[in-house]
N, C-alpha and C. Protein backbone atom coordinates (compact mmCIF):
# COMPACT_ATOMS: atom_id res chain seq x y z
N MET A 1 -26.42 38.01 13.77
CA MET A 1 -26.27 37.07 14.95
C MET A 1 -24.73 36.37 14.74
N TRP A 2 -24.30 35.90 16.17
CA TRP A 2 -23.00 35.52 15.97
C TRP A 2 -23.53 34.02 15.99
N VAL A 3 -22.72 33.12 15.17
CA VAL A 3 -22.78 31.87 15.33
C VAL A 3 -21.12 31.35 15.81
N ASN A 4 -21.48 30.27 16.81
CA ASN A 4 -20.48 29.99 17.29
C ASN A 4 -19.86 28.55 16.47
N MET A 5 -18.86 28.87 15.95
CA MET A 5 -18.43 27.36 15.27
C MET A 5 -17.36 26.81 15.64
N THR A 6 -16.91 25.74 15.86
CA THR A 6 -15.44 24.82 16.29
C THR A 6 -14.67 24.66 15.04
N ASP A 7 -13.45 24.34 15.78
CA ASP A 7 -12.40 24.55 14.74
C ASP A 7 -12.74 23.78 13.60
N LYS A 8 -13.28 22.67 13.75
CA LYS A 8 -13.56 21.48 12.45
C LYS A 8 -13.98 22.17 11.84
N GLU A 9 -15.38 22.78 12.15
CA GLU A 9 -16.60 23.62 11.68
C GLU A 9 -15.86 24.54 10.47
N ARG A 10 -14.85 25.54 11.15
CA ARG A 10 -14.09 26.35 10.39
C ARG A 10 -12.83 26.02 9.32
N GLN A 11 -12.52 24.64 9.74
CA GLN A 11 -11.72 24.32 8.89
C GLN A 11 -12.24 23.61 7.70
N VAL A 12 -13.37 22.98 7.53
CA VAL A 12 -14.12 22.63 6.71
C VAL A 12 -14.87 24.12 5.74
N LYS A 13 -15.23 24.82 6.05
CA LYS A 13 -15.45 25.96 5.46
C LYS A 13 -14.34 26.47 5.16
N MET A 14 -13.32 26.88 5.17
CA MET A 14 -12.11 27.44 4.56
C MET A 14 -11.88 26.49 3.42
N ARG A 15 -11.69 25.34 3.65
CA ARG A 15 -11.46 24.15 2.31
C ARG A 15 -12.19 24.21 1.36
N LEU A 16 -13.61 24.22 1.91
CA LEU A 16 -14.67 24.25 0.85
C LEU A 16 -14.46 25.74 -0.22
N GLY A 17 -13.86 26.88 0.76
CA GLY A 17 -14.07 28.18 0.10
C GLY A 17 -12.52 27.69 -1.00
N TRP A 18 -11.74 27.18 -0.77
CA TRP A 18 -10.72 27.04 -1.83
C TRP A 18 -11.47 26.44 -3.34
N PHE A 19 -12.12 25.29 -2.88
CA PHE A 19 -13.09 24.95 -3.81
C PHE A 19 -13.69 26.28 -4.76
N ARG A 20 -14.44 26.48 -4.10
CA ARG A 20 -15.36 27.63 -4.67
C ARG A 20 -14.50 28.78 -5.45
N HIS A 21 -13.39 29.06 -5.00
CA HIS A 21 -12.69 30.02 -5.52
C HIS A 21 -12.13 29.77 -6.68
N VAL A 22 -11.71 28.44 -7.19
CA VAL A 22 -11.36 27.89 -8.19
C VAL A 22 -12.74 27.73 -9.24
N GLU A 23 -13.73 27.09 -9.05
CA GLU A 23 -15.04 27.10 -10.11
C GLU A 23 -15.45 28.42 -10.09
N GLU A 24 -15.63 29.60 -9.08
CA GLU A 24 -16.47 30.81 -9.34
C GLU A 24 -15.63 32.06 -9.57
N ILE A 25 -14.18 32.07 -9.34
CA ILE A 25 -13.35 32.99 -9.51
C ILE A 25 -12.29 33.28 -10.44
N THR A 26 -11.41 32.52 -10.06
CA THR A 26 -10.33 32.62 -11.20
C THR A 26 -10.15 31.13 -12.01
N GLY A 27 -10.59 30.02 -11.99
CA GLY A 27 -11.12 28.55 -12.57
C GLY A 27 -9.46 28.19 -12.81
N ASN A 28 -8.10 28.48 -11.87
CA ASN A 28 -7.08 28.34 -12.17
C ASN A 28 -6.83 27.52 -10.81
N VAL A 29 -6.36 26.36 -10.54
CA VAL A 29 -5.69 26.11 -9.21
C VAL A 29 -4.80 26.75 -8.68
N ALA A 30 -3.57 26.87 -9.69
CA ALA A 30 -2.47 27.71 -9.38
C ALA A 30 -2.63 29.02 -8.75
N LYS A 31 -3.41 29.63 -9.50
CA LYS A 31 -3.33 31.25 -8.81
C LYS A 31 -4.39 31.02 -7.73
N THR A 32 -5.38 30.39 -7.26
CA THR A 32 -6.29 30.26 -6.12
C THR A 32 -4.77 29.88 -5.03
N CYS A 33 -4.07 28.81 -5.39
CA CYS A 33 -2.90 28.41 -4.09
C CYS A 33 -2.41 29.78 -3.69
N ARG A 34 -1.92 30.17 -4.51
CA ARG A 34 -0.90 31.52 -4.26
C ARG A 34 -1.95 32.51 -3.71
N TYR A 35 -2.95 32.32 -3.79
CA TYR A 35 -3.83 33.77 -2.97
C TYR A 35 -4.21 33.04 -1.80
N PHE A 36 -4.33 32.39 -1.53
CA PHE A 36 -4.55 31.52 -0.03
C PHE A 36 -3.18 31.11 0.60
N GLY A 37 -2.17 30.86 0.10
CA GLY A 37 -0.87 30.52 0.05
C GLY A 37 -0.55 29.47 0.72
N ILE A 38 -1.21 28.36 -0.07
CA ILE A 38 -1.42 26.75 0.08
C ILE A 38 -0.57 26.57 -1.20
N SER A 39 -0.05 24.84 -1.06
CA SER A 39 0.73 24.73 -2.01
C SER A 39 -0.12 23.73 -2.60
N ARG A 40 0.01 23.44 -4.24
CA ARG A 40 -0.77 22.36 -5.02
C ARG A 40 -0.99 21.25 -4.58
N LYS A 41 -0.16 20.86 -4.13
CA LYS A 41 0.02 19.15 -3.63
C LYS A 41 -1.25 19.58 -2.01
N THR A 42 -1.35 20.49 -1.28
CA THR A 42 -2.01 20.70 -0.26
C THR A 42 -3.33 20.76 -0.75
N TYR A 43 -4.09 21.36 -1.71
CA TYR A 43 -4.82 21.56 -2.47
C TYR A 43 -5.83 20.21 -3.10
N TYR A 44 -5.21 19.30 -3.73
CA TYR A 44 -5.21 18.60 -4.36
C TYR A 44 -5.31 17.28 -3.40
N LYS A 45 -4.66 17.42 -2.19
CA LYS A 45 -5.09 16.25 -1.09
C LYS A 45 -6.37 16.45 -0.76
N TRP A 46 -6.77 17.68 -0.56
CA TRP A 46 -7.98 17.84 0.18
C TRP A 46 -9.24 17.80 -1.00
N TYR A 47 -8.83 18.43 -1.92
CA TYR A 47 -9.88 18.17 -2.99
C TYR A 47 -9.98 16.53 -3.06
N ASN A 48 -9.08 15.90 -3.65
CA ASN A 48 -9.16 14.18 -3.75
C ASN A 48 -10.24 13.90 -2.17
N ARG A 49 -9.93 14.36 -1.11
CA ARG A 49 -10.61 13.63 0.10
C ARG A 49 -12.01 13.57 0.00
N TYR A 50 -12.24 15.43 -0.89
CA TYR A 50 -13.82 15.87 -0.53
C TYR A 50 -14.57 14.83 -1.56
N LEU A 51 -13.97 14.59 -2.95
CA LEU A 51 -14.71 13.93 -4.02
C LEU A 51 -14.67 12.24 -3.54
N LYS A 52 -14.01 11.99 -2.62
CA LYS A 52 -14.20 10.37 -2.09
C LYS A 52 -15.36 10.47 -0.97
N GLU A 53 -15.16 11.53 -0.10
CA GLU A 53 -15.74 11.33 1.34
C GLU A 53 -16.70 12.36 1.66
N GLY A 54 -16.99 13.32 1.09
CA GLY A 54 -17.68 14.42 0.70
C GLY A 54 -17.04 15.56 2.01
N GLU A 55 -17.79 16.15 2.58
CA GLU A 55 -17.57 16.96 3.66
C GLU A 55 -16.75 16.61 5.02
N LYS A 56 -16.96 14.97 5.06
CA LYS A 56 -16.49 14.64 6.26
C LYS A 56 -15.04 14.50 5.87
N GLY A 57 -14.78 14.51 5.08
CA GLY A 57 -13.54 14.44 4.52
C GLY A 57 -12.38 15.39 4.43
N LEU A 58 -13.24 16.35 4.61
CA LEU A 58 -12.17 17.66 5.09
C LEU A 58 -12.28 17.95 6.63
N VAL A 59 -12.19 17.31 7.47
CA VAL A 59 -12.29 17.39 8.85
C VAL A 59 -10.39 16.38 8.84
N GLU A 60 -9.47 17.79 9.44
CA GLU A 60 -8.20 16.98 9.77
C GLU A 60 -8.28 15.37 10.55
N ARG A 61 -7.61 15.09 10.57
CA ARG A 61 -7.15 13.82 11.17
C ARG A 61 -5.80 13.43 11.86
N SER A 62 -6.20 12.81 12.63
CA SER A 62 -5.13 12.46 13.71
C SER A 62 -4.07 11.99 13.33
N ARG A 63 -3.08 12.16 13.81
CA ARG A 63 -1.55 11.54 12.79
C ARG A 63 -0.60 10.51 13.62
N ARG A 64 -1.62 10.75 14.88
CA ARG A 64 -0.79 9.36 15.94
C ARG A 64 -0.65 8.51 15.62
N PRO A 65 0.10 7.53 15.48
CA PRO A 65 0.47 6.09 14.85
C PRO A 65 -0.54 5.13 15.58
N ASN A 66 -1.12 4.16 14.84
CA ASN A 66 -1.88 3.32 15.21
C ASN A 66 -0.97 2.18 15.90
N HIS A 67 0.27 2.12 15.50
CA HIS A 67 1.00 0.87 16.36
C HIS A 67 2.51 1.57 16.26
N ILE A 68 3.07 1.43 17.80
CA ILE A 68 3.86 1.69 17.62
C ILE A 68 5.27 0.43 17.73
N SER A 69 6.00 0.77 16.65
CA SER A 69 6.69 -0.61 16.60
C SER A 69 8.23 -1.12 17.31
N LYS A 70 8.28 -0.01 18.34
CA LYS A 70 9.99 -0.20 18.80
C LYS A 70 9.22 -0.15 20.23
N GLU A 71 8.14 -0.82 20.48
CA GLU A 71 7.85 -0.74 22.19
C GLU A 71 8.83 -1.74 22.77
N THR A 72 9.18 -1.55 24.29
CA THR A 72 10.18 -2.25 25.23
C THR A 72 9.25 -3.39 25.39
N LYS A 73 10.20 -4.44 25.09
CA LYS A 73 9.64 -5.71 25.46
C LYS A 73 9.26 -5.92 27.33
N HIS A 74 8.29 -6.28 27.71
CA HIS A 74 7.62 -6.72 29.25
C HIS A 74 9.00 -7.38 30.12
N GLN A 75 9.57 -8.26 29.71
CA GLN A 75 11.23 -8.79 30.28
C GLN A 75 12.35 -8.03 30.21
N VAL A 76 12.38 -7.08 29.34
CA VAL A 76 13.35 -5.86 29.54
C VAL A 76 12.75 -5.13 30.93
N ILE A 77 11.80 -4.55 31.20
CA ILE A 77 10.93 -3.33 31.45
C ILE A 77 11.18 -4.15 32.92
N GLU A 78 10.91 -5.34 33.35
CA GLU A 78 10.90 -5.99 34.85
C GLU A 78 12.36 -6.25 35.00
N LYS A 79 13.85 -6.44 33.97
CA LYS A 79 14.96 -6.53 34.55
C LYS A 79 15.59 -5.04 34.94
N ILE A 80 14.72 -3.92 34.25
CA ILE A 80 15.26 -2.88 34.71
C ILE A 80 14.72 -2.37 36.00
N LEU A 81 13.09 -2.52 36.28
CA LEU A 81 12.82 -2.09 37.55
C LEU A 81 13.53 -3.32 38.31
N TYR A 82 13.71 -4.36 38.04
CA TYR A 82 14.53 -5.24 39.54
C TYR A 82 15.90 -4.39 39.91
N LEU A 83 17.15 -3.85 38.59
CA LEU A 83 18.02 -3.35 38.84
C LEU A 83 18.27 -2.47 39.16
N ARG A 84 16.85 -1.51 39.17
CA ARG A 84 16.67 -0.20 40.08
C ARG A 84 16.34 -0.17 41.62
N THR A 85 15.15 -0.99 41.66
CA THR A 85 14.83 -1.37 43.12
C THR A 85 15.90 -2.10 44.10
N ASN A 86 16.76 -2.84 43.24
CA ASN A 86 17.55 -3.72 44.28
C ASN A 86 19.06 -3.19 44.25
N TYR A 87 19.28 -2.73 43.23
CA TYR A 87 20.89 -2.34 43.26
C TYR A 87 20.77 -0.52 42.90
N HIS A 88 19.67 -0.26 43.03
CA HIS A 88 19.85 1.50 42.83
C HIS A 88 20.58 1.79 41.57
N PHE A 89 21.03 1.14 40.64
CA PHE A 89 21.36 1.55 39.52
C PHE A 89 20.93 2.82 39.04
N GLY A 90 21.80 3.72 38.27
CA GLY A 90 20.93 4.56 37.28
C GLY A 90 20.73 4.03 36.12
N PRO A 91 20.83 5.00 35.22
CA PRO A 91 20.09 4.72 33.60
C PRO A 91 21.31 3.98 32.77
N THR A 92 22.69 5.05 33.28
CA THR A 92 23.54 4.51 32.28
C THR A 92 24.14 3.32 33.04
N ARG A 93 24.30 2.82 34.14
CA ARG A 93 24.83 1.82 34.64
C ARG A 93 23.81 0.71 34.41
N ILE A 94 22.32 0.64 34.17
CA ILE A 94 21.69 -0.12 33.58
C ILE A 94 21.60 -0.59 32.69
N LYS A 95 22.08 0.63 31.83
CA LYS A 95 22.14 0.24 30.08
C LYS A 95 23.55 -0.60 30.04
N MET A 96 24.50 -0.47 30.82
CA MET A 96 25.53 -0.94 30.55
C MET A 96 25.54 -2.67 30.96
N TYR A 97 24.98 -2.79 32.05
CA TYR A 97 24.64 -4.03 32.78
C TYR A 97 24.31 -4.66 31.87
N LEU A 98 22.73 -4.16 31.22
CA LEU A 98 22.16 -5.27 30.17
C LEU A 98 22.66 -5.61 28.88
N GLU A 99 23.34 -4.48 28.65
CA GLU A 99 24.28 -4.80 27.67
C GLU A 99 25.60 -5.76 27.79
N ARG A 100 26.08 -5.49 28.83
CA ARG A 100 27.15 -7.04 29.06
C ARG A 100 26.71 -8.55 29.56
N TYR A 101 25.55 -8.26 30.29
CA TYR A 101 25.54 -9.52 31.11
C TYR A 101 24.37 -10.18 30.08
N HIS A 102 23.12 -9.60 29.44
CA HIS A 102 22.33 -9.96 28.48
C HIS A 102 21.79 -9.92 27.37
N GLY A 103 23.08 -9.04 26.63
CA GLY A 103 22.95 -8.72 25.02
C GLY A 103 21.94 -7.98 24.93
N ILE A 104 21.35 -7.12 25.44
CA ILE A 104 20.02 -6.24 25.37
C ILE A 104 20.60 -4.70 25.37
N ILE A 105 20.36 -4.20 24.01
CA ILE A 105 21.08 -2.75 23.57
C ILE A 105 19.61 -1.85 24.20
N ILE A 106 20.01 -0.94 24.69
CA ILE A 106 18.58 -0.13 25.18
C ILE A 106 19.37 1.11 25.40
N ASN A 107 19.06 2.55 25.03
CA ASN A 107 19.70 3.61 25.03
C ASN A 107 18.95 4.19 26.69
N SER A 108 20.11 4.81 27.48
CA SER A 108 19.87 5.12 28.57
C SER A 108 18.79 6.23 28.68
N ALA A 109 18.57 7.08 27.80
CA ALA A 109 17.42 7.95 28.09
C ALA A 109 15.95 7.03 27.50
N THR A 110 15.64 5.96 26.89
CA THR A 110 14.89 5.33 27.13
C THR A 110 14.46 4.79 28.63
N ILE A 111 15.25 4.25 29.08
CA ILE A 111 15.77 3.53 30.52
C ILE A 111 15.28 4.93 31.67
N TRP A 112 15.76 5.91 31.21
CA TRP A 112 15.32 7.09 32.30
C TRP A 112 13.94 7.67 32.09
N LYS A 113 13.31 7.60 30.79
CA LYS A 113 12.34 7.84 30.99
C LYS A 113 11.32 6.86 31.49
N MET A 114 11.33 5.60 31.15
CA MET A 114 10.73 4.60 31.51
C MET A 114 10.63 4.74 33.09
N LEU A 115 11.99 4.96 33.74
CA LEU A 115 11.58 4.80 35.51
C LEU A 115 11.06 6.62 35.50
N LYS A 116 10.98 7.33 34.81
CA LYS A 116 10.17 8.40 35.31
C LYS A 116 9.05 8.70 35.15
N ARG A 117 8.46 7.65 33.85
CA ARG A 117 6.83 7.41 34.36
C ARG A 117 6.22 6.69 34.81
N LEU A 118 7.56 5.46 35.47
CA LEU A 118 7.14 4.80 36.78
C LEU A 118 6.99 5.34 37.84
N ASN A 119 7.47 6.94 38.08
CA ASN A 119 7.64 7.50 39.26
C ASN A 119 8.74 6.81 40.23
N MET A 120 10.20 6.45 39.38
CA MET A 120 11.10 5.76 40.38
C MET A 120 12.51 6.43 39.43
N ASN A 121 12.38 7.62 39.00
CA ASN A 121 13.48 8.51 38.56
C ASN A 121 14.45 9.08 39.68
N ARG A 122 13.77 8.81 40.42
CA ARG A 122 14.71 9.42 42.33
C ARG A 122 14.87 8.34 42.55
N LEU A 123 16.04 8.28 43.31
CA LEU A 123 16.56 7.51 44.56
C LEU A 123 15.91 7.81 45.81
N PRO A 124 15.27 6.83 46.26
CA PRO A 124 15.20 7.36 48.03
C PRO A 124 16.00 7.82 48.66
N THR A 125 15.88 9.08 49.40
CA THR A 125 16.73 9.97 50.38
C THR A 125 17.86 9.24 50.94
N ASN A 126 17.37 8.12 51.22
CA ASN A 126 18.38 7.19 51.85
C ASN A 126 19.18 6.70 51.06
N GLN A 127 19.01 6.62 50.09
CA GLN A 127 19.86 5.98 48.90
C GLN A 127 21.12 6.73 48.23
N ILE A 128 20.74 8.39 48.53
CA ILE A 128 21.58 8.89 47.59
C ILE A 128 22.80 9.24 48.03
N TYR A 129 23.88 9.35 47.34
CA TYR A 129 25.24 9.32 47.94
C TYR A 129 25.79 10.37 48.46
N LYS A 130 26.19 10.25 49.82
CA LYS A 130 26.67 11.12 50.45
C LYS A 130 28.04 10.97 50.59
N PRO A 131 29.13 11.92 50.32
CA PRO A 131 30.77 12.23 50.76
C PRO A 131 30.85 12.26 52.29
N HIS A 132 31.80 11.19 52.24
CA HIS A 132 32.18 11.43 53.90
C HIS A 132 33.24 12.19 54.31
N ASN A 133 33.09 13.43 55.19
CA ASN A 133 33.67 14.12 55.71
C ASN A 133 35.06 14.13 56.18
């Protein structure tokens, strides 16, 4: 009979298999790690989690940070939006303006990403530079 397993259940079963292999077959962590193609550091990381938390500790955890340390300040975002909407400056010019007149150092790529996230990365069609004939 076919049993549908989720990825998390498969991971737990695989890691439990490592521990069982050491206990029942080889009795040697290094040999087991070579057999499964994992490092001993990885084995012990999961083994220690298993000892502390049981099977719940064998599920992969999120690697997403809990806190973003370099988040752009609200006042800087307001200045960027003001320069974009009123003067139609691009990211490089906004960067130079903020650095020269406000002492704010910010990367032009960061400014562009911010404008893109706010759907302001493209100028209105009537504001795009058109050369004279």
